[in-house]
Amino acid sequence: MASAASPSEITSIKAFAESNGSSPIPFTYHSLTEPRDDVADHLACSIPVIDFSHLTSHDPQIHASTVHQLANACAQWGFFLLTNHGISEKLMEEVMEKSHEFHNLPLEEKEEFADKGPLTAIRHGTSFHPQAEKLHYWRDYLKVITLPQFNFPHKPPGYKEVAFEYSRKIRGVARELLIGISESLGLDAESIIESTGFDSGLQIFAVNLYPPCPEPDLAVGLPPHSDHGLLTLLTQNGIGGLQVKHTGKWVNVNPLPNCLIVNTGDQLEAVSNGRYKSVMHRAVLNNRDTRISLVLVNGPDLDKEIGPALGLLEKEDPLFKTMKYRDYFEIQQMTRFAYKSGLDEIRLN
C-alpha cells in the first residue's frame, strides 16, 4: 500500500502525491494541530493595504499619512498587502512560471541541490527537515541564498536571470519599507538599515510547492511559525492557503491582483522593541489545486548583533537581548521543531 511508505524516504511530496492518488496519507503527515474550521472569515477584508507609491511620494502629507498607515499595519497585524510596488506583472509571472518548471523537473535533475543544511547556498527538499521531524509537512521547497551573494540553480533555462532581477527588485522594495518603518518609530530614516547592516544582509529566496492533498483536514503545508529576518515579501500563483493568526483566530489572506504580501519578521520585532510583532502564520492545503508561493526573506547582515534600536531605549527598557543574526538563525531553525518562537530565546523577563 502506498500509504505504508516510510515518510523519511519521501524525497518529494509532489512525486509521492502523484503516485499515491486518493489513498490515505501516511500517519506522520497528520500534522494539522489546530482545527481548520476555526477561521474568522469576516476579518479577511480587514487585512491592511498599503500603497507603495504613496509611501515613496514626494508629497510630504501623502508620505506621512502612509507612514502612519504602515505603523498601524505593523503594530496591529504584522501583515499587509502592498499595491503599486513597481515590480512588473510580467516579471512576476515569469518567475512564477520558471518556479513551476523547476518543481516539474525530474527528481534526478534536482538531486545536485539536495538540502545539506540551513546556510547551504542552494537547497531542495521536502517538508522541513524529514530526518529530524516527528510530523511531516505537505510541501516541497527550493531555498536559495540570493544576498549578499547571488546563487541560483542553472536550470531550467532562464530561471536564474529572472530570479536575479526579481530578487533585487524585492530587496529595493523591502529597503523602502524599512525606511518608512524607521520613520514610524520616530527614528532616523536610515536607522534600521544602518544598525542591521541591511545593505550587506541576508536574502533567502524560497519557492514552496504544495500539491493537492487527498486529506487536507489532516495535513498542513507549513505549521504555525514566525519568520526570521526583518521583512518577508510573498506572492503566489492565485491559489489560496496562507493564513495569519490575528486576535487568536486564523484569517485567510486573500491577496489583491499583482500585490505583494508582506509580513514582519522576528528581527523587526526585536529592533522595534516589541512594537511590531512577528506574527504567526501557516499554510493550509486543498485537494484540488497545486499552490506555489515565492517567499523572499530579507534579513540583516549575518554577523550583526541585532537588538532593540538604541533610539528607542532612551525612553524605555529593552524587551530583548541582542544576538548575532547568524546565531539567531540557527536557533530559529531548531525551534521550528519545538512549535515555539525563536524570539523566546532572546526575550527578557
C-alpha atoms as a PDB file:
ATOM      1  CA  MET A   1       0.000   0.000   0.000  1.00  0.00           C
ATOM      2  CA  ALA A   2       1.334   3.456  -0.914  1.00  0.00           C
ATOM      3  CA  SER A   3       0.379   4.908   2.467  1.00  0.00           C
ATOM      4  CA  ALA A   4       2.741   2.464   4.171  1.00  0.00           C
ATOM      5  CA  ALA A   5       5.741   4.202   2.598  1.00  0.00           C
ATOM      6  CA  SER A   6       8.325   5.411   5.079  1.00  0.00           C
ATOM      7  CA  PRO A   7       7.933   9.224   5.198  1.00  0.00           C
ATOM      8  CA  SER A   8      11.676   9.690   5.783  1.00  0.00           C
ATOM      9  CA  GLU A   9      12.198   8.050   2.386  1.00  0.00           C
ATOM     10  CA  ILE A  10       9.876  10.512   0.612  1.00  0.00           C
ATOM     11  CA  THR A  11      12.190  12.921  -1.194  1.00  0.00           C
ATOM     12  CA  SER A  12       9.379  14.797  -2.957  1.00  0.00           C
ATOM     13  CA  ILE A  13       5.809  15.154  -1.740  1.00  0.00           C
ATOM     14  CA  LYS A  14       4.844  16.149  -5.281  1.00  0.00           C
ATOM     15  CA  ALA A  15       6.091  12.814  -6.651  1.00  0.00           C
ATOM     16  CA  PHE A  16       4.536  10.924  -3.741  1.00  0.00           C
ATOM     17  CA  ALA A  17       1.157  12.667  -4.138  1.00  0.00           C
ATOM     18  CA  GLU A  18       1.095  11.903  -7.858  1.00  0.00           C
ATOM     19  CA  SER A  19       1.773   8.202  -7.254  1.00  0.00           C
ATOM     20  CA  ASN A  20      -0.404   7.920  -4.130  1.00  0.00           C
ATOM     21  CA  GLY A  21      -3.557   9.311  -5.768  1.00  0.00           C
ATOM     22  CA  SER A  22      -6.510   9.486  -3.394  1.00  0.00           C
ATOM     23  CA  SER A  23      -5.143   6.868  -0.974  1.00  0.00           C
ATOM     24  CA  PRO A  24      -4.889   7.817   2.722  1.00  0.00           C
ATOM     25  CA  ILE A  25      -1.817   9.839   3.552  1.00  0.00           C
ATOM     26  CA  PRO A  26       0.884   8.465   5.905  1.00  0.00           C
ATOM     27  CA  PHE A  27       0.067   8.962   9.574  1.00  0.00           C
ATOM     28  CA  THR A  28       3.167  11.108  10.146  1.00  0.00           C
ATOM     29  CA  TYR A  29       1.659  13.689   7.762  1.00  0.00           C
ATOM     30  CA  HIS A  30      -1.296  14.181  10.145  1.00  0.00           C
ATOM     31  CA  SER A  31       0.300  17.477  11.098  1.00  0.00           C
ATOM     32  CA  LEU A  32      -2.682  19.841  11.408  1.00  0.00           C
ATOM     33  CA  THR A  33      -2.663  20.501  15.149  1.00  0.00           C
ATOM     34  CA  GLU A  34      -5.409  23.152  15.217  1.00  0.00           C
ATOM     35  CA  PRO A  35      -8.833  22.736  13.570  1.00  0.00           C
ATOM     36  CA  ARG A  36      -9.174  24.196  10.087  1.00  0.00           C
ATOM     37  CA  ASP A  37     -12.679  25.457  10.740  1.00  0.00           C
ATOM     38  CA  ASP A  38     -11.504  27.924  13.406  1.00  0.00           C
ATOM     39  CA  VAL A  39     -11.174  30.624  10.740  1.00  0.00           C
ATOM     40  CA  ALA A  40     -12.516  34.162  11.108  1.00  0.00           C
ATOM     41  CA  ASP A  41     -13.636  34.810   7.526  1.00  0.00           C
ATOM     42  CA  HIS A  42     -15.127  38.182   8.445  1.00  0.00           C
ATOM     43  CA  LEU A  43     -11.637  39.507   9.261  1.00  0.00           C
ATOM     44  CA  ALA A  44     -10.087  38.741   5.853  1.00  0.00           C
ATOM     45  CA  CYS A  45     -11.215  42.059   4.389  1.00  0.00           C
ATOM     46  CA  SER A  46      -9.615  43.904   7.347  1.00  0.00           C
ATOM     47  CA  ILE A  47      -6.022  42.993   6.445  1.00  0.00           C
ATOM     48  CA  PRO A  48      -4.353  46.367   5.810  1.00  0.00           C
ATOM     49  CA  VAL A  49      -3.496  47.546   2.296  1.00  0.00           C
ATOM     50  CA  ILE A  50      -0.503  49.855   1.812  1.00  0.00           C
ATOM     51  CA  ASP A  51       0.003  51.779  -1.432  1.00  0.00           C
ATOM     52  CA  PHE A  52       3.768  51.727  -2.024  1.00  0.00           C
ATOM     53  CA  SER A  53       3.591  54.663  -4.438  1.00  0.00           C
ATOM     54  CA  HIS A  54       2.154  56.761  -1.611  1.00  0.00           C
ATOM     55  CA  LEU A  55       4.945  55.705   0.750  1.00  0.00           C
ATOM     56  CA  THR A  56       7.571  56.854  -1.755  1.00  0.00           C
ATOM     57  CA  SER A  57       5.640  60.008  -2.690  1.00  0.00           C
ATOM     58  CA  HIS A  58       7.479  63.329  -2.638  1.00  0.00           C
ATOM     59  CA  ASP A  59       4.342  64.946  -1.254  1.00  0.00           C
ATOM     60  CA  PRO A  60       5.108  65.227   2.500  1.00  0.00           C
ATOM     61  CA  GLN A  61       1.460  64.891   3.506  1.00  0.00           C
ATOM     62  CA  ILE A  62       0.840  61.747   1.441  1.00  0.00           C
ATOM     63  CA  HIS A  63       4.124  60.214   2.654  1.00  0.00           C
ATOM     64  CA  ALA A  64       3.414  60.999   6.318  1.00  0.00           C
ATOM     65  CA  SER A  65      -0.109  59.589   6.087  1.00  0.00           C
ATOM     66  CA  THR A  66       1.221  56.342   4.579  1.00  0.00           C
ATOM     67  CA  VAL A  67       3.942  56.034   7.235  1.00  0.00           C
ATOM     68  CA  HIS A  68       1.145  56.236   9.811  1.00  0.00           C
ATOM     69  CA  GLN A  69      -0.803  53.503   7.976  1.00  0.00           C
ATOM     70  CA  LEU A  70       2.357  51.387   7.854  1.00  0.00           C
ATOM     71  CA  ALA A  71       2.845  51.780  11.602  1.00  0.00           C
ATOM     72  CA  ASN A  72      -0.715  50.629  12.282  1.00  0.00           C
ATOM     73  CA  ALA A  73      -0.365  47.668   9.907  1.00  0.00           C
ATOM     74  CA  CYS A  74       2.861  46.501  11.567  1.00  0.00           C
ATOM     75  CA  ALA A  75       1.564  47.039  15.111  1.00  0.00           C
ATOM     76  CA  GLN A  76      -1.929  45.610  14.737  1.00  0.00           C
ATOM     77  CA  TRP A  77      -1.476  42.849  12.157  1.00  0.00           C
ATOM     78  CA  GLY A  78       2.166  42.257  11.272  1.00  0.00           C
ATOM     79  CA  PHE A  79       0.791  41.504   7.786  1.00  0.00           C
ATOM     80  CA  PHE A  80      -0.281  43.763   4.947  1.00  0.00           C
ATOM     81  CA  LEU A  81      -0.934  43.783   1.219  1.00  0.00           C
ATOM     82  CA  LEU A  82       1.365  46.036  -0.801  1.00  0.00           C
ATOM     83  CA  THR A  83      -0.004  47.555  -4.006  1.00  0.00           C
ATOM     84  CA  ASN A  84       1.667  49.704  -6.699  1.00  0.00           C
ATOM     85  CA  HIS A  85       5.069  48.301  -5.723  1.00  0.00           C
ATOM     86  CA  GLY A  86       6.610  48.921  -9.152  1.00  0.00           C
ATOM     87  CA  ILE A  87       7.537  45.307  -9.959  1.00  0.00           C
ATOM     88  CA  SER A  88       6.056  44.442 -13.334  1.00  0.00           C
ATOM     89  CA  GLU A  89       3.336  41.838 -13.586  1.00  0.00           C
ATOM     90  CA  LYS A  90       5.298  40.316 -16.485  1.00  0.00           C
ATOM     91  CA  LEU A  91       8.370  39.710 -14.305  1.00  0.00           C
ATOM     92  CA  MET A  92       6.260  38.241 -11.502  1.00  0.00           C
ATOM     93  CA  GLU A  93       4.568  35.881 -13.969  1.00  0.00           C
ATOM     94  CA  GLU A  94       7.918  34.835 -15.466  1.00  0.00           C
ATOM     95  CA  VAL A  95       9.398  33.993 -12.060  1.00  0.00           C
ATOM     96  CA  MET A  96       6.294  32.009 -11.131  1.00  0.00           C
ATOM     97  CA  GLU A  97       6.336  30.134 -14.438  1.00  0.00           C
ATOM     98  CA  LYS A  98      10.037  29.231 -14.098  1.00  0.00           C
ATOM     99  CA  SER A  99       9.467  28.201 -10.472  1.00  0.00           C
ATOM    100  CA  HIS A 100       6.776  25.800 -11.633  1.00  0.00           C
ATOM    101  CA  GLU A 101       9.154  24.473 -14.299  1.00  0.00           C
ATOM    102  CA  PHE A 102      11.830  23.839 -11.667  1.00  0.00           C
ATOM    103  CA  HIS A 103       9.479  21.798  -9.487  1.00  0.00           C
ATOM    104  CA  ASN A 104       8.380  19.853 -12.588  1.00  0.00           C
ATOM    105  CA  LEU A 105      11.944  18.765 -13.370  1.00  0.00           C
ATOM    106  CA  PRO A 106      12.578  15.029 -12.869  1.00  0.00           C
ATOM    107  CA  LEU A 107      13.800  14.249  -9.339  1.00  0.00           C
ATOM    108  CA  GLU A 108      17.177  13.078 -10.587  1.00  0.00           C
ATOM    109  CA  GLU A 109      17.777  16.507 -12.161  1.00  0.00           C
ATOM    110  CA  LYS A 110      17.308  18.150  -8.762  1.00  0.00           C
ATOM    111  CA  GLU A 111      19.473  15.734  -6.767  1.00  0.00           C
ATOM    112  CA  GLU A 112      22.513  18.012  -7.025  1.00  0.00           C
ATOM    113  CA  PHE A 113      20.597  20.589  -4.959  1.00  0.00           C
ATOM    114  CA  ALA A 114      19.688  18.201  -2.099  1.00  0.00           C
ATOM    115  CA  ASP A 115      19.425  20.062   1.217  1.00  0.00           C
ATOM    116  CA  LYS A 116      22.659  19.930   3.220  1.00  0.00           C
ATOM    117  CA  GLY A 117      21.794  22.438   5.936  1.00  0.00           C
ATOM    118  CA  PRO A 118      20.243  25.884   6.548  1.00  0.00           C
ATOM    119  CA  LEU A 119      23.103  28.025   5.211  1.00  0.00           C
ATOM    120  CA  THR A 120      23.750  25.930   2.104  1.00  0.00           C
ATOM    121  CA  ALA A 121      23.583  28.296  -0.889  1.00  0.00           C
ATOM    122  CA  ILE A 122      21.060  26.218  -2.893  1.00  0.00           C
ATOM    123  CA  ARG A 123      18.925  23.507  -1.325  1.00  0.00           C
ATOM    124  CA  HIS A 124      15.953  21.493  -2.484  1.00  0.00           C
ATOM    125  CA  GLY A 125      13.926  19.199  -0.298  1.00  0.00           C
ATOM    126  CA  THR A 126      10.570  18.262   1.140  1.00  0.00           C
ATOM    127  CA  SER A 127       8.694  19.009   4.379  1.00  0.00           C
ATOM    128  CA  PHE A 128      11.050  20.977   6.675  1.00  0.00           C
ATOM    129  CA  HIS A 129      13.721  18.525   7.852  1.00  0.00           C
ATOM    130  CA  PRO A 130      12.281  14.986   7.487  1.00  0.00           C
ATOM    131  CA  GLN A 131      15.109  13.208   9.304  1.00  0.00           C
ATOM    132  CA  ALA A 132      14.634  15.277  12.465  1.00  0.00           C
ATOM    133  CA  GLU A 133      10.843  15.696  12.481  1.00  0.00           C
ATOM    134  CA  LYS A 134       8.167  13.697  14.234  1.00  0.00           C
ATOM    135  CA  LEU A 135       5.493  15.165  11.963  1.00  0.00           C
ATOM    136  CA  HIS A 136       5.957  15.956   8.276  1.00  0.00           C
ATOM    137  CA  TYR A 137       4.570  18.726   6.098  1.00  0.00           C
ATOM    138  CA  TRP A 138       2.972  18.519   2.658  1.00  0.00           C
ATOM    139  CA  ARG A 139       5.497  20.745   0.886  1.00  0.00           C
ATOM    140  CA  ASP A 140       8.447  20.625  -1.491  1.00  0.00           C
ATOM    141  CA  TYR A 141      10.815  23.580  -1.484  1.00  0.00           C
ATOM    142  CA  LEU A 142      13.702  25.278  -3.184  1.00  0.00           C
ATOM    143  CA  LYS A 143      15.621  27.661  -0.908  1.00  0.00           C
ATOM    144  CA  VAL A 144      18.404  29.831  -2.271  1.00  0.00           C
ATOM    145  CA  ILE A 145      20.642  32.456  -0.661  1.00  0.00           C
ATOM    146  CA  THR A 146      20.389  35.359  -3.108  1.00  0.00           C
ATOM    147  CA  LEU A 147      22.137  38.004  -0.966  1.00  0.00           C
ATOM    148  CA  PRO A 148      24.744  39.095  -0.004  1.00  0.00           C
ATOM    149  CA  GLN A 149      25.985  36.920  -2.905  1.00  0.00           C
ATOM    150  CA  PHE A 150      23.620  35.736  -5.622  1.00  0.00           C
ATOM    151  CA  ASN A 151      23.254  31.988  -6.026  1.00  0.00           C
ATOM    152  CA  PHE A 152      20.667  30.148  -8.094  1.00  0.00           C
ATOM    153  CA  PRO A 153      20.083  26.840  -9.914  1.00  0.00           C
ATOM    154  CA  HIS A 154      21.274  26.773 -13.534  1.00  0.00           C
ATOM    155  CA  LYS A 155      18.057  25.052 -14.635  1.00  0.00           C
ATOM    156  CA  PRO A 156      15.520  25.406 -16.087  1.00  0.00           C
ATOM    157  CA  PRO A 157      16.988  27.778 -18.712  1.00  0.00           C
ATOM    158  CA  GLY A 158      16.246  31.437 -17.993  1.00  0.00           C
ATOM    159  CA  TYR A 159      15.264  30.872 -14.332  1.00  0.00           C
ATOM    160  CA  LYS A 160      18.462  32.314 -12.875  1.00  0.00           C
ATOM    161  CA  GLU A 161      18.159  35.527 -14.886  1.00  0.00           C
ATOM    162  CA  VAL A 162      14.554  36.361 -13.929  1.00  0.00           C
ATOM    163  CA  ALA A 163      15.193  35.325 -10.321  1.00  0.00           C
ATOM    164  CA  PHE A 164      18.129  37.736 -10.100  1.00  0.00           C
ATOM    165  CA  GLU A 165      16.044  40.637 -11.368  1.00  0.00           C
ATOM    166  CA  TYR A 166      13.120  39.751  -9.105  1.00  0.00           C
ATOM    167  CA  SER A 167      15.295  39.318  -6.004  1.00  0.00           C
ATOM    168  CA  ARG A 168      16.935  42.709  -6.490  1.00  0.00           C
ATOM    169  CA  LYS A 169      13.635  44.494  -7.059  1.00  0.00           C
ATOM    170  CA  ILE A 170      12.176  42.861  -3.942  1.00  0.00           C
ATOM    171  CA  ARG A 171      15.206  43.994  -1.960  1.00  0.00           C
ATOM    172  CA  GLY A 172      14.647  47.556  -3.135  1.00  0.00           C
ATOM    173  CA  VAL A 173      11.012  47.462  -2.043  1.00  0.00           C
ATOM    174  CA  ALA A 174      11.984  45.999   1.346  1.00  0.00           C
ATOM    175  CA  ARG A 175      14.563  48.768   1.793  1.00  0.00           C
ATOM    176  CA  GLU A 176      11.974  51.495   1.177  1.00  0.00           C
ATOM    177  CA  LEU A 177       9.584  49.813   3.602  1.00  0.00           C
ATOM    178  CA  LEU A 178      12.285  49.764   6.288  1.00  0.00           C
ATOM    179  CA  ILE A 179      12.849  53.499   5.776  1.00  0.00           C
ATOM    180  CA  GLY A 180       9.130  54.065   6.360  1.00  0.00           C
ATOM    181  CA  ILE A 181       9.161  51.750   9.380  1.00  0.00           C
ATOM    182  CA  SER A 182      12.150  53.599  10.881  1.00  0.00           C
ATOM    183  CA  GLU A 183      10.294  56.889  10.470  1.00  0.00           C
ATOM    184  CA  SER A 184       7.152  55.378  12.012  1.00  0.00           C
ATOM    185  CA  LEU A 185       9.174  54.519  15.137  1.00  0.00           C
ATOM    186  CA  GLY A 186      10.460  58.086  15.421  1.00  0.00           C
ATOM    187  CA  LEU A 187      13.963  57.054  14.292  1.00  0.00           C
ATOM    188  CA  ASP A 188      16.142  58.474  11.536  1.00  0.00           C
ATOM    189  CA  ALA A 189      15.042  57.229   8.112  1.00  0.00           C
ATOM    190  CA  GLU A 190      18.114  55.012   7.591  1.00  0.00           C
ATOM    191  CA  SER A 191      18.375  53.901  11.226  1.00  0.00           C
ATOM    192  CA  ILE A 192      17.209  50.286  10.834  1.00  0.00           C
ATOM    193  CA  ILE A 193      19.090  49.850   7.557  1.00  0.00           C
ATOM    194  CA  GLU A 194      22.345  51.030   9.141  1.00  0.00           C
ATOM    195  CA  SER A 195      22.033  49.287  12.521  1.00  0.00           C
ATOM    196  CA  THR A 196      21.169  45.912  10.958  1.00  0.00           C
ATOM    197  CA  GLY A 197      23.680  46.075   8.105  1.00  0.00           C
ATOM    198  CA  PHE A 198      20.756  45.593   5.735  1.00  0.00           C
ATOM    199  CA  ASP A 199      22.692  46.613   2.628  1.00  0.00           C
ATOM    200  CA  SER A 200      25.045  43.657   3.155  1.00  0.00           C
ATOM    201  CA  GLY A 201      22.345  41.475   4.675  1.00  0.00           C
ATOM    202  CA  LEU A 202      20.870  38.061   4.006  1.00  0.00           C
ATOM    203  CA  GLN A 203      18.133  37.335   1.499  1.00  0.00           C
ATOM    204  CA  ILE A 204      16.636  33.872   1.142  1.00  0.00           C
ATOM    205  CA  PHE A 205      14.535  33.134  -1.938  1.00  0.00           C
ATOM    206  CA  ALA A 206      12.162  30.249  -1.138  1.00  0.00           C
ATOM    207  CA  VAL A 207       9.873  28.566  -3.658  1.00  0.00           C
ATOM    208  CA  ASN A 208       7.269  26.437  -1.898  1.00  0.00           C
ATOM    209  CA  LEU A 209       5.115  23.908  -3.749  1.00  0.00           C
ATOM    210  CA  TYR A 210       2.036  22.440  -2.063  1.00  0.00           C
ATOM    211  CA  PRO A 211       0.451  19.662  -4.163  1.00  0.00           C
ATOM    212  CA  PRO A 212      -3.223  18.723  -3.810  1.00  0.00           C
ATOM    213  CA  CYS A 213      -3.683  16.619  -0.659  1.00  0.00           C
ATOM    214  CA  PRO A 214      -6.401  13.933  -0.501  1.00  0.00           C
ATOM    215  CA  GLU A 215      -6.900  14.642   3.231  1.00  0.00           C
ATOM    216  CA  PRO A 216      -6.432  18.413   3.639  1.00  0.00           C
ATOM    217  CA  ASP A 217      -8.168  18.389   7.029  1.00  0.00           C
ATOM    218  CA  LEU A 218      -5.391  16.223   8.463  1.00  0.00           C
ATOM    219  CA  ALA A 219      -2.211  17.617   6.929  1.00  0.00           C
ATOM    220  CA  VAL A 220      -0.650  21.052   6.682  1.00  0.00           C
ATOM    221  CA  GLY A 221       1.797  22.592   4.215  1.00  0.00           C
ATOM    222  CA  LEU A 222       3.654  24.506   6.926  1.00  0.00           C
ATOM    223  CA  PRO A 223       2.782  24.615  10.642  1.00  0.00           C
ATOM    224  CA  PRO A 224       2.232  27.827  12.599  1.00  0.00           C
ATOM    225  CA  HIS A 225       5.506  29.756  12.637  1.00  0.00           C
ATOM    226  CA  SER A 226       7.003  33.216  12.536  1.00  0.00           C
ATOM    227  CA  ASP A 227       9.775  34.237  10.124  1.00  0.00           C
ATOM    228  CA  HIS A 228      13.328  35.167  10.992  1.00  0.00           C
ATOM    229  CA  GLY A 229      14.607  38.367   9.412  1.00  0.00           C
ATOM    230  CA  LEU A 230      13.151  41.850   9.063  1.00  0.00           C
ATOM    231  CA  LEU A 231      10.540  41.644   6.300  1.00  0.00           C
ATOM    232  CA  THR A 232       9.183  38.738   4.242  1.00  0.00           C
ATOM    233  CA  LEU A 233       7.660  39.538   0.834  1.00  0.00           C
ATOM    234  CA  LEU A 234       5.482  36.856  -0.750  1.00  0.00           C
ATOM    235  CA  THR A 235       3.499  36.253  -3.904  1.00  0.00           C
ATOM    236  CA  GLN A 236       1.599  33.143  -5.002  1.00  0.00           C
ATOM    237  CA  ASN A 237       0.084  31.526  -8.074  1.00  0.00           C
ATOM    238  CA  GLY A 238      -3.528  32.508  -7.379  1.00  0.00           C
ATOM    239  CA  ILE A 239      -4.283  29.517  -5.136  1.00  0.00           C
ATOM    240  CA  GLY A 240      -5.090  30.345  -1.510  1.00  0.00           C
ATOM    241  CA  GLY A 241      -3.724  28.646   1.596  1.00  0.00           C
ATOM    242  CA  LEU A 242      -1.868  31.285   3.595  1.00  0.00           C
ATOM    243  CA  GLN A 243      -3.444  32.050   6.967  1.00  0.00           C
ATOM    244  CA  VAL A 244      -2.359  34.571   9.592  1.00  0.00           C
ATOM    245  CA  LYS A 245      -3.116  34.465  13.340  1.00  0.00           C
ATOM    246  CA  HIS A 246      -4.930  37.602  14.454  1.00  0.00           C
ATOM    247  CA  THR A 247      -6.601  38.135  17.841  1.00  0.00           C
ATOM    248  CA  GLY A 248      -6.421  34.392  18.467  1.00  0.00           C
ATOM    249  CA  LYS A 249      -8.149  33.431  15.199  1.00  0.00           C
ATOM    250  CA  TRP A 250      -6.850  32.209  11.862  1.00  0.00           C
ATOM    251  CA  VAL A 251      -7.590  34.564   8.971  1.00  0.00           C
ATOM    252  CA  ASN A 252      -7.338  33.697   5.275  1.00  0.00           C
ATOM    253  CA  VAL A 253      -5.008  36.019   3.367  1.00  0.00           C
ATOM    254  CA  ASN A 254      -6.755  36.819   0.071  1.00  0.00           C
ATOM    255  CA  PRO A 255      -4.306  38.892  -1.967  1.00  0.00           C
ATOM    256  CA  LEU A 256      -5.299  41.585  -4.427  1.00  0.00           C
ATOM    257  CA  PRO A 257      -4.187  41.128  -8.059  1.00  0.00           C
ATOM    258  CA  ASN A 258      -0.453  41.772  -8.583  1.00  0.00           C
ATOM    259  CA  CYS A 259       0.112  42.741  -4.948  1.00  0.00           C
ATOM    260  CA  LEU A 260       2.845  41.566  -2.602  1.00  0.00           C
ATOM    261  CA  ILE A 261       2.034  40.086   0.794  1.00  0.00           C
ATOM    262  CA  VAL A 262       4.360  41.476   3.457  1.00  0.00           C
ATOM    263  CA  ASN A 263       4.900  40.263   6.994  1.00  0.00           C
ATOM    264  CA  THR A 264       7.168  41.497   9.762  1.00  0.00           C
ATOM    265  CA  GLY A 265       9.915  39.143  10.953  1.00  0.00           C
ATOM    266  CA  ASP A 266      11.491  38.256  14.284  1.00  0.00           C
ATOM    267  CA  GLN A 267      14.376  40.704  13.940  1.00  0.00           C
ATOM    268  CA  LEU A 268      11.969  43.576  13.272  1.00  0.00           C
ATOM    269  CA  GLU A 269      10.073  42.720  16.459  1.00  0.00           C
ATOM    270  CA  ALA A 270      13.378  42.856  18.329  1.00  0.00           C
ATOM    271  CA  VAL A 271      14.558  46.097  16.667  1.00  0.00           C
ATOM    272  CA  SER A 272      11.185  47.768  17.332  1.00  0.00           C
ATOM    273  CA  ASN A 273      11.397  46.569  20.967  1.00  0.00           C
ATOM    274  CA  GLY A 274       8.162  44.650  20.657  1.00  0.00           C
ATOM    275  CA  ARG A 275       6.047  47.330  18.953  1.00  0.00           C
ATOM    276  CA  TYR A 276       5.819  45.429  15.666  1.00  0.00           C
ATOM    277  CA  LYS A 277       5.015  41.759  16.256  1.00  0.00           C
ATOM    278  CA  SER A 278       6.420  38.924  14.198  1.00  0.00           C
ATOM    279  CA  VAL A 279       3.102  37.218  13.664  1.00  0.00           C
ATOM    280  CA  MET A 280       2.328  33.506  13.438  1.00  0.00           C
ATOM    281  CA  HIS A 281       1.125  32.178  10.089  1.00  0.00           C
ATOM    282  CA  ARG A 282       0.636  28.791   8.415  1.00  0.00           C
ATOM    283  CA  ALA A 283      -0.035  27.170   5.032  1.00  0.00           C
ATOM    284  CA  VAL A 284      -3.166  25.015   4.745  1.00  0.00           C
ATOM    285  CA  LEU A 285      -3.953  22.644   1.891  1.00  0.00           C
ATOM    286  CA  ASN A 286      -6.676  21.735  -0.583  1.00  0.00           C
ATOM    287  CA  ASN A 287      -7.482  18.556  -2.532  1.00  0.00           C
ATOM    288  CA  ARG A 288      -7.767  20.139  -5.997  1.00  0.00           C
ATOM    289  CA  ASP A 289      -5.013  22.582  -6.926  1.00  0.00           C
ATOM    290  CA  THR A 290      -1.257  22.944  -6.590  1.00  0.00           C
ATOM    291  CA  ARG A 291      -0.262  26.091  -4.741  1.00  0.00           C
ATOM    292  CA  ILE A 292       3.123  27.756  -5.328  1.00  0.00           C
ATOM    293  CA  SER A 293       4.410  30.616  -3.203  1.00  0.00           C
ATOM    294  CA  LEU A 294       7.514  32.724  -3.768  1.00  0.00           C
ATOM    295  CA  VAL A 295       8.784  33.849  -0.377  1.00  0.00           C
ATOM    296  CA  LEU A 296      11.705  36.270  -0.055  1.00  0.00           C
ATOM    297  CA  VAL A 297      13.026  36.710   3.474  1.00  0.00           C
ATOM    298  CA  ASN A 298      15.014  39.934   3.860  1.00  0.00           C
ATOM    299  CA  GLY A 299      17.300  39.969   6.860  1.00  0.00           C
ATOM    300  CA  PRO A 300      20.220  41.758   8.485  1.00  0.00           C
ATOM    301  CA  ASP A 301      23.899  41.081   7.967  1.00  0.00           C
ATOM    302  CA  LEU A 302      24.528  37.598   9.418  1.00  0.00           C
ATOM    303  CA  ASP A 303      27.358  38.912  11.600  1.00  0.00           C
ATOM    304  CA  LYS A 304      25.473  41.909  13.036  1.00  0.00           C
ATOM    305  CA  GLU A 305      24.308  41.923  16.656  1.00  0.00           C
ATOM    306  CA  ILE A 306      20.568  42.608  16.489  1.00  0.00           C
ATOM    307  CA  GLY A 307      18.539  44.033  19.355  1.00  0.00           C
ATOM    308  CA  PRO A 308      16.236  46.945  20.198  1.00  0.00           C
ATOM    309  CA  ALA A 309      17.083  50.195  18.385  1.00  0.00           C
ATOM    310  CA  LEU A 310      19.199  52.414  20.612  1.00  0.00           C
ATOM    311  CA  GLY A 311      16.964  55.380  19.799  1.00  0.00           C
ATOM    312  CA  LEU A 312      14.031  53.586  21.437  1.00  0.00           C
ATOM    313  CA  LEU A 313      15.985  52.671  24.573  1.00  0.00           C
ATOM    314  CA  GLU A 314      16.384  56.347  25.504  1.00  0.00           C
ATOM    315  CA  LYS A 315      12.816  56.205  26.843  1.00  0.00           C
ATOM    316  CA  GLU A 316      12.148  52.531  27.602  1.00  0.00           C
ATOM    317  CA  ASP A 317      13.764  49.317  28.831  1.00  0.00           C
ATOM    318  CA  PRO A 318      14.804  46.646  26.332  1.00  0.00           C
ATOM    319  CA  LEU A 319      12.429  43.712  25.898  1.00  0.00           C
ATOM    320  CA  PHE A 320      15.014  41.651  24.003  1.00  0.00           C
ATOM    321  CA  LYS A 321      18.692  40.938  24.404  1.00  0.00           C
ATOM    322  CA  THR A 322      20.974  41.399  21.428  1.00  0.00           C
ATOM    323  CA  MET A 323      22.134  38.380  19.468  1.00  0.00           C
ATOM    324  CA  LYS A 324      24.144  37.883  16.314  1.00  0.00           C
ATOM    325  CA  TYR A 325      21.717  37.219  13.455  1.00  0.00           C
ATOM    326  CA  ARG A 326      23.655  34.115  12.386  1.00  0.00           C
ATOM    327  CA  ASP A 327      23.256  32.599  15.873  1.00  0.00           C
ATOM    328  CA  TYR A 328      19.577  33.507  15.973  1.00  0.00           C
ATOM    329  CA  PHE A 329      19.001  31.961  12.542  1.00  0.00           C
ATOM    330  CA  GLU A 330      20.487  28.646  13.692  1.00  0.00           C
ATOM    331  CA  ILE A 331      18.373  28.653  16.872  1.00  0.00           C
ATOM    332  CA  GLN A 332      15.238  29.512  14.921  1.00  0.00           C
ATOM    333  CA  GLN A 333      15.760  26.588  12.551  1.00  0.00           C
ATOM    334  CA  MET A 334      15.872  24.220  15.546  1.00  0.00           C
ATOM    335  CA  THR A 335      12.943  25.730  17.450  1.00  0.00           C
ATOM    336  CA  ARG A 336      10.725  25.152  14.388  1.00  0.00           C
ATOM    337  CA  PHE A 337      10.602  21.526  15.574  1.00  0.00           C
ATOM    338  CA  ALA A 338       9.514  22.611  19.058  1.00  0.00           C
ATOM    339  CA  TYR A 339       6.497  24.676  17.906  1.00  0.00           C
ATOM    340  CA  LYS A 340       7.732  27.810  19.636  1.00  0.00           C
ATOM    341  CA  SER A 341       9.159  31.109  18.547  1.00  0.00           C
ATOM    342  CA  GLY A 342      12.892  31.667  18.352  1.00  0.00           C
ATOM    343  CA  LEU A 343      12.145  35.038  19.951  1.00  0.00           C
ATOM    344  CA  ASP A 344      11.648  33.197  23.251  1.00  0.00           C
ATOM    345  CA  GLU A 345      15.433  32.689  23.263  1.00  0.00           C
ATOM    346  CA  ILE A 346      16.162  36.435  23.321  1.00  0.00           C
ATOM    347  CA  ARG A 347      13.128  37.761  25.191  1.00  0.00           C
ATOM    348  CA  LEU A 348      13.970  39.431  28.516  1.00  0.00           C
ATOM    349  CA  ASN A 349      11.878  38.917  31.683  1.00  0.00           C
END
